[in-house]
Protein backbone atom coordinates (compact mmCIF):
# COMPACT_ATOMS: atom_id res chain seq x y z
CA MET A 1 -18.90 11.81 11.41
CA SER A 2 -20.38 8.75 9.71
CA VAL A 3 -18.46 6.05 7.88
CA PRO A 4 -17.46 7.57 4.50
CA GLU A 5 -19.08 6.14 1.38
CA GLN A 6 -16.19 7.41 -0.74
CA TYR A 7 -12.59 8.12 0.16
CA SER A 8 -10.28 10.96 -0.85
CA PHE A 9 -6.51 10.49 -0.67
CA ILE A 10 -6.05 14.26 -0.56
CA ARG A 11 -8.34 14.53 2.47
CA TYR A 12 -6.43 11.65 4.08
CA LEU A 13 -3.12 13.50 3.58
CA ALA A 14 -4.61 16.63 5.14
CA ALA A 15 -6.12 14.65 8.04
CA LYS A 16 -2.86 12.92 8.91
CA LYS A 17 -0.90 16.17 9.24
CA SER A 18 -1.76 16.43 12.93
CA VAL A 19 -0.94 12.72 13.37
CA ASP A 20 2.46 13.27 11.75
CA ASP A 21 3.08 16.39 13.84
CA ARG A 22 2.84 14.31 17.01
CA ALA A 23 4.75 11.37 15.53
CA LEU A 24 7.88 13.03 14.15
CA ASN A 25 10.86 12.33 16.38
CA GLN A 26 11.82 15.65 17.98
CA HIS A 27 15.36 14.53 18.84
CA VAL A 28 16.05 13.70 15.19
CA TRP A 29 14.41 16.98 14.15
CA GLY A 30 16.69 18.86 16.55
CA THR A 31 19.78 17.14 15.16
CA LEU A 32 18.68 18.12 11.65
CA ALA A 33 18.26 21.76 12.73
CA ARG A 34 21.78 21.81 14.19
CA ARG A 35 23.35 20.09 11.17
CA LEU A 36 21.88 22.32 8.47
CA PRO A 37 24.49 24.54 6.79
CA GLN A 38 24.23 28.29 7.26
CA ALA A 39 21.92 29.94 4.75
CA GLY A 40 21.18 33.55 3.86
CA PRO A 41 19.81 35.76 1.10
CA GLU A 42 22.94 35.27 -1.00
CA LYS A 43 23.24 31.54 -0.31
CA PRO A 44 19.86 29.89 0.23
CA LEU A 45 19.69 26.26 1.29
CA ARG A 46 18.90 23.95 -1.62
CA VAL A 47 16.12 21.56 -0.54
CA LEU A 48 14.46 18.75 -2.50
CA GLU A 49 11.37 16.93 -1.27
CA ILE A 50 10.35 13.74 -3.07
CA GLY A 51 6.80 12.45 -2.76
CA ALA A 52 5.69 15.86 -1.51
CA GLY A 53 1.97 15.03 -1.41
CA ILE A 54 -0.09 18.15 -0.70
CA GLY A 55 2.76 20.15 0.82
CA THR A 56 2.24 19.48 4.53
CA MET A 57 5.97 18.93 5.17
CA LEU A 58 6.80 22.30 3.63
CA GLU A 59 4.16 23.92 5.85
CA ARG A 60 5.57 22.16 8.91
CA ILE A 61 9.17 23.12 8.11
CA LEU A 62 8.22 26.78 7.81
CA ASP A 63 5.85 26.76 10.79
CA TRP A 64 8.46 25.09 13.02
CA GLY A 65 11.19 27.52 11.90
CA LEU A 66 13.56 25.02 10.27
CA LEU A 67 14.17 27.09 7.11
CA SER A 68 14.60 30.80 6.60
CA TYR A 69 16.34 31.21 3.23
CA ALA A 70 15.87 28.31 0.83
CA ASP A 71 15.24 27.21 -2.73
CA TYR A 72 12.72 24.41 -2.20
CA THR A 73 11.87 21.92 -4.95
CA ALA A 74 8.90 19.62 -4.32
CA ILE A 75 8.02 16.76 -6.66
CA ASP A 76 5.18 14.25 -6.64
CA SER A 77 4.05 11.79 -9.27
CA GLN A 78 0.36 12.63 -8.77
CA SER A 79 -0.75 15.76 -10.60
CA GLU A 80 -3.80 16.17 -8.34
CA ASN A 81 -1.51 16.47 -5.31
CA ILE A 82 0.55 19.24 -6.92
CA ALA A 83 -2.64 21.00 -8.03
CA HIS A 84 -3.91 20.88 -4.46
CA ILE A 85 -0.68 22.39 -3.13
CA ARG A 86 -1.23 25.36 -5.40
CA GLN A 87 -4.77 25.78 -4.05
CA ARG A 88 -3.79 25.22 -0.42
CA LEU A 89 -0.57 27.19 -0.04
CA PRO A 90 -1.83 30.81 -0.40
CA GLY A 91 -4.38 30.35 2.39
CA TRP A 92 -1.85 28.66 4.65
CA ALA A 93 0.70 31.41 3.95
CA ALA A 94 -1.75 34.18 4.78
CA ALA A 95 -2.72 32.46 8.04
CA HIS A 96 0.97 32.20 9.02
CA ASN A 97 2.02 35.76 8.15
CA TYR A 98 3.81 35.01 4.90
CA VAL A 99 3.51 37.08 1.76
CA CYS A 100 2.92 34.52 -0.98
CA ARG A 101 3.57 35.38 -4.62
CA GLU A 102 3.49 33.27 -7.79
CA ASP A 103 5.84 34.18 -10.63
CA SER A 104 5.48 33.76 -14.39
CA SER A 105 7.05 30.28 -14.20
CA ASN A 106 4.37 29.08 -11.74
CA ASN A 107 6.90 29.04 -8.92
CA TRP A 108 6.11 30.48 -5.52
CA ARG A 109 7.89 32.80 -3.13
CA LEU A 110 7.09 32.90 0.58
CA VAL A 111 8.45 35.96 2.38
CA ASN A 112 8.21 37.18 5.95
CA GLN A 113 10.42 39.15 8.34
CA ALA A 114 12.51 36.06 9.09
CA GLY A 115 13.26 34.84 5.59
CA ASP A 116 12.57 34.19 1.94
CA VAL A 117 11.74 30.73 0.59
CA LYS A 118 11.35 30.10 -3.13
CA VAL A 119 9.30 27.01 -3.96
CA CYS A 120 9.02 25.05 -7.20
CA PHE A 121 6.30 22.37 -7.42
CA GLU A 122 6.47 19.75 -10.15
CA THR A 123 4.53 16.66 -11.15
CA CYS A 124 7.24 14.16 -12.01
CA ASP A 125 8.12 10.51 -11.49
CA LEU A 126 11.09 10.27 -9.13
CA PHE A 127 13.26 8.16 -11.42
CA GLU A 128 12.52 10.32 -14.45
CA PHE A 129 13.53 13.31 -12.31
CA ILE A 130 16.79 11.60 -11.29
CA ALA A 131 17.63 10.80 -14.92
CA ARG A 132 16.83 14.34 -16.01
CA GLU A 133 18.98 15.93 -13.32
CA GLU A 134 22.01 13.68 -13.83
CA GLY A 135 25.09 15.89 -13.95
CA GLY A 136 22.98 18.94 -13.15
CA ARG A 137 21.52 20.40 -9.98
CA LYS A 138 22.54 19.23 -6.51
CA TRP A 139 20.72 19.70 -3.22
CA ASP A 140 21.95 20.31 0.33
CA LEU A 141 18.98 18.52 1.92
CA LEU A 142 16.79 15.75 0.54
CA LEU A 143 13.47 14.97 2.24
CA ALA A 144 11.23 11.92 1.92
CA HIS A 145 8.25 11.86 4.28
CA ALA A 146 6.15 8.67 4.60
CA PHE A 147 7.48 7.71 1.17
CA LEU A 148 10.61 5.61 1.21
CA ASP A 149 8.91 2.48 2.58
CA LEU A 150 6.80 2.41 -0.59
CA MET A 151 9.88 1.94 -2.78
CA ASP A 152 12.58 -0.64 -3.48
CA ILE A 153 14.79 1.00 -0.87
CA PRO A 154 18.30 -0.22 -1.83
CA SER A 155 17.87 0.69 -5.49
CA THR A 156 16.22 4.01 -4.67
CA LEU A 157 18.92 5.07 -2.20
CA ARG A 158 21.71 4.36 -4.69
CA GLN A 159 20.03 6.59 -7.25
CA LEU A 160 19.23 9.37 -4.79
CA THR A 161 22.91 9.90 -4.05
CA SER A 162 23.32 11.53 -7.46
CA LEU A 163 21.07 14.39 -6.37
CA LEU A 164 23.08 15.39 -3.30
CA ALA A 165 25.80 17.98 -2.93
CA PRO A 166 28.98 16.94 -1.10
CA ASP A 167 28.06 16.38 2.58
CA GLY A 168 24.41 16.60 1.58
CA LEU A 169 21.87 15.58 4.22
CA VAL A 170 18.94 13.18 3.94
CA TYR A 171 15.92 13.29 6.25
CA PHE A 172 13.72 10.21 5.83
CA THR A 173 10.67 10.21 8.09
CA ILE A 174 7.72 7.96 9.00
CA ASN A 175 9.26 4.72 7.70
CA PHE A 176 6.94 1.85 8.67
CA ASP A 177 8.51 -0.83 10.86
CA GLY A 178 6.37 -3.87 11.32
CA ALA A 179 3.64 -3.07 13.86
CA THR A 180 -0.01 -2.21 13.18
CA ILE A 181 -1.97 -2.11 16.43
CA LEU A 182 -5.74 -1.65 16.69
CA GLU A 183 -7.39 -1.65 20.12
CA PRO A 184 -9.69 -2.81 21.59
CA GLU A 185 -9.48 -6.31 20.16
CA VAL A 186 -12.32 -7.65 18.05
CA ASP A 187 -11.14 -11.26 17.97
CA PRO A 188 -7.54 -11.81 19.16
CA GLU A 189 -6.82 -14.66 16.77
CA LEU A 190 -8.45 -12.94 13.80
CA ASP A 191 -6.82 -9.60 14.62
CA LYS A 192 -3.38 -11.23 14.60
CA HIS A 193 -4.10 -13.07 11.36
CA ILE A 194 -5.30 -9.91 9.58
CA GLN A 195 -2.24 -7.96 10.74
CA ALA A 196 0.12 -10.67 9.44
CA LEU A 197 -1.63 -10.87 6.06
CA TYR A 198 -1.71 -7.07 5.76
CA HIS A 199 2.03 -6.84 6.37
CA GLN A 200 2.61 -9.57 3.78
CA THR A 201 0.87 -7.41 1.16
CA MET A 202 3.53 -4.75 1.82
CA ASP A 203 6.34 -7.26 1.41
CA LYS A 204 4.90 -8.58 -1.86
CA ARG A 205 3.89 -5.24 -3.38
CA ILE A 206 4.96 -4.71 -6.99
CA THR A 207 4.78 -1.31 -8.71
CA SER A 208 5.61 -0.97 -12.42
CA GLY A 209 7.05 -4.46 -12.35
CA LYS A 210 9.43 -3.75 -9.45
CA PRO A 211 9.38 -4.56 -5.70
CA SER A 212 8.02 -1.55 -3.86
CA GLY A 213 7.54 -2.30 -0.22
CA ASP A 214 8.87 -3.67 3.04
CA SER A 215 6.83 -4.11 6.20
CA GLN A 216 10.05 -3.76 8.23
CA ALA A 217 11.54 -0.90 6.23
CA GLY A 218 12.45 1.12 9.32
CA ARG A 219 14.85 -1.37 10.90
CA HIS A 220 16.28 -2.36 7.51
CA LEU A 221 17.15 1.26 6.73
CA PHE A 222 20.07 1.10 9.18
CA GLY A 223 21.81 -1.34 6.87
CA HIS A 224 20.52 0.05 3.59
CA LEU A 225 21.77 3.56 4.38
CA ARG A 226 25.27 2.40 5.31
CA LEU A 227 25.57 0.19 2.23
CA SER A 228 24.50 3.12 0.05
CA GLY A 229 27.26 5.38 1.40
CA PHE A 230 25.40 7.30 4.10
CA GLN A 231 26.50 8.01 7.63
CA ILE A 232 23.55 7.85 10.03
CA LEU A 233 23.59 11.00 12.16
CA ASP A 234 20.46 10.25 14.16
CA ALA A 235 17.46 7.94 14.22
CA GLY A 236 14.41 7.47 16.41
CA ALA A 237 10.85 6.22 16.65
CA SER A 238 8.05 8.21 15.01
CA ASP A 239 4.99 6.16 15.87
CA TRP A 240 1.51 7.16 14.82
CA VAL A 241 -0.65 7.13 17.96
CA VAL A 242 -4.28 8.08 17.41
CA PHE A 243 -6.82 7.97 20.23
CA PRO A 244 -9.95 9.88 21.26
CA ASN A 245 -9.98 12.53 23.95
CA THR A 246 -13.02 13.78 25.86
CA GLN A 247 -14.25 15.56 22.72
CA GLY A 248 -13.55 12.64 20.39
CA TYR A 249 -10.71 12.47 17.89
CA PRO A 250 -8.71 15.67 17.24
CA GLY A 251 -9.15 17.50 13.94
CA ASP A 252 -10.11 15.19 11.09
CA GLU A 253 -8.41 12.16 12.62
CA ALA A 254 -11.59 10.07 12.64
CA TYR A 255 -11.46 10.27 8.85
CA PHE A 256 -7.79 9.26 8.99
CA LEU A 257 -8.78 6.13 10.93
CA HIS A 258 -11.61 5.27 8.58
CA PHE A 259 -9.14 5.61 5.69
CA ILE A 260 -6.66 3.25 7.38
CA ILE A 261 -9.37 0.62 7.89
CA HIS A 262 -10.48 1.08 4.28
CA THR A 263 -6.87 0.61 3.14
CA ILE A 264 -6.63 -2.69 5.03
CA GLN A 265 -9.94 -3.76 3.50
CA LEU A 266 -8.74 -3.02 -0.04
CA ALA A 267 -5.40 -4.76 0.54
CA LEU A 268 -7.03 -7.98 1.77
CA ALA A 269 -10.27 -8.11 -0.22
CA GLY A 270 -10.70 -11.61 -1.66
CA HIS A 271 -7.61 -12.97 0.10
CA PRO A 272 -7.69 -16.78 -0.10
CA ARG A 273 -6.63 -17.15 3.54
CA LEU A 274 -9.45 -14.98 4.90
CA ASP A 275 -13.11 -15.89 5.30
CA SER A 276 -14.78 -13.01 3.48
CA LYS A 277 -17.76 -12.70 5.84
CA ARG A 278 -15.63 -12.77 8.99
CA PHE A 279 -13.31 -10.19 7.47
CA MET A 280 -16.13 -7.83 6.49
CA ASP A 281 -17.66 -8.19 9.96
CA TRP A 282 -14.23 -7.24 11.35
CA VAL A 283 -13.97 -4.22 9.02
CA ASN A 284 -17.46 -3.03 9.95
CA GLU A 285 -16.72 -3.38 13.66
CA ARG A 286 -13.50 -1.37 13.32
CA HIS A 287 -15.41 1.43 11.57
CA ALA A 288 -18.04 1.26 14.33
CA GLN A 289 -15.31 1.60 16.97
CA VAL A 290 -14.24 4.86 15.32
CA GLU A 291 -17.84 6.09 15.33
CA ARG A 292 -18.12 5.25 19.03
CA ASP A 293 -14.84 7.07 19.79
CA GLU A 294 -13.27 3.82 20.96
CA LEU A 295 -10.57 2.86 18.48
CA VAL A 296 -6.91 3.35 19.34
CA TYR A 297 -4.47 3.01 16.43
CA ILE A 298 -0.70 2.70 16.68
CA ALA A 299 1.78 2.18 13.84
CA HIS A 300 5.47 1.77 14.62
CA GLN A 301 7.77 3.86 12.42
CA LEU A 302 11.29 5.32 12.37
CA ASP A 303 12.88 8.62 11.34
CA PHE A 304 16.44 8.91 10.00
CA LEU A 305 18.90 11.72 9.45
CA GLY A 306 22.00 10.93 7.41
CA LYS A 307 24.66 12.41 5.19
CA ILE A 308 26.81 11.25 2.30
CA SER A 309 30.01 9.91 3.83
CA LEU A 310 31.57 7.48 1.33
CA PRO A 311 32.13 7.38 -2.43
CA VAL A 312 29.15 5.63 -3.96
CA PHE A 313 29.64 3.66 -7.15
CA THR A 314 26.75 4.00 -9.54
CA GLN A 315 26.10 2.49 -12.92
CA GLY A 316 28.75 3.73 -15.34
CA ASN A 317 31.48 4.44 -12.82
CA SER A 318 31.65 1.25 -10.75
CA PRO A 319 35.03 -0.45 -10.54
CA ALA A 320 35.72 -3.40 -12.81
């Protein structure tokens, strides 16, 4: 492929599915599978995914046999992502031997010989959803995939506890943890400088007037989870590792790499501590490395499985 002239976030999400498949920590996944409560036709597992994107985690969970009977709620703040799920899911279901039906409420039902999963997709801001559900529905499993490190983690965790049933589980995956590696080097000193400045943009990110990032979110989650009343059941590395094989990059992973380089470019464009020409030469060379099937990309990340273990005091019921 050639260097894209325009970029699509939806195509990026689709392209990174194979990257995520390799990255997800299989030991943590296995612990999750063993810890899930028994579910059946009369008592489906209640699952909530926040920041669901285009539905690739749902596809993975079904394809890898994690769920059989479930009521699955998936929310995302971007309406185009939810619209794409609705376009994408029927084709995926047919290819994976599921009967896929949509009901009058625009919810979906995926049925095969092994189970029955009802799915509700909704465009909704997470915190509006939390406020709306206060005192209402509870979920047995809460998922956040490549999402939590984009938030103010301590505040978000405290609010998420209100959505969980007693002994509810949380599965937080692909949490960035402070390493962006691009090989081969272009200029060792410049490479290091760009990485440091890029990570600083994560630490300083503000969304809707609130902090919304942490370049070391993965390691900090150990403390944040405990302070928010969660017991950590398992944790492990889930690094993105993208490299070419003899046929080039697998799937659409060349596009994934171009998107990552473009993201770094946007984050650092006009930065006062970067010479603009040297930076653009660096960006162009990184794109060229992808085109030559040379670039290796590694991002260090962590997966977590936890459960509610302690009373959590939230606004309105905290002790005096």
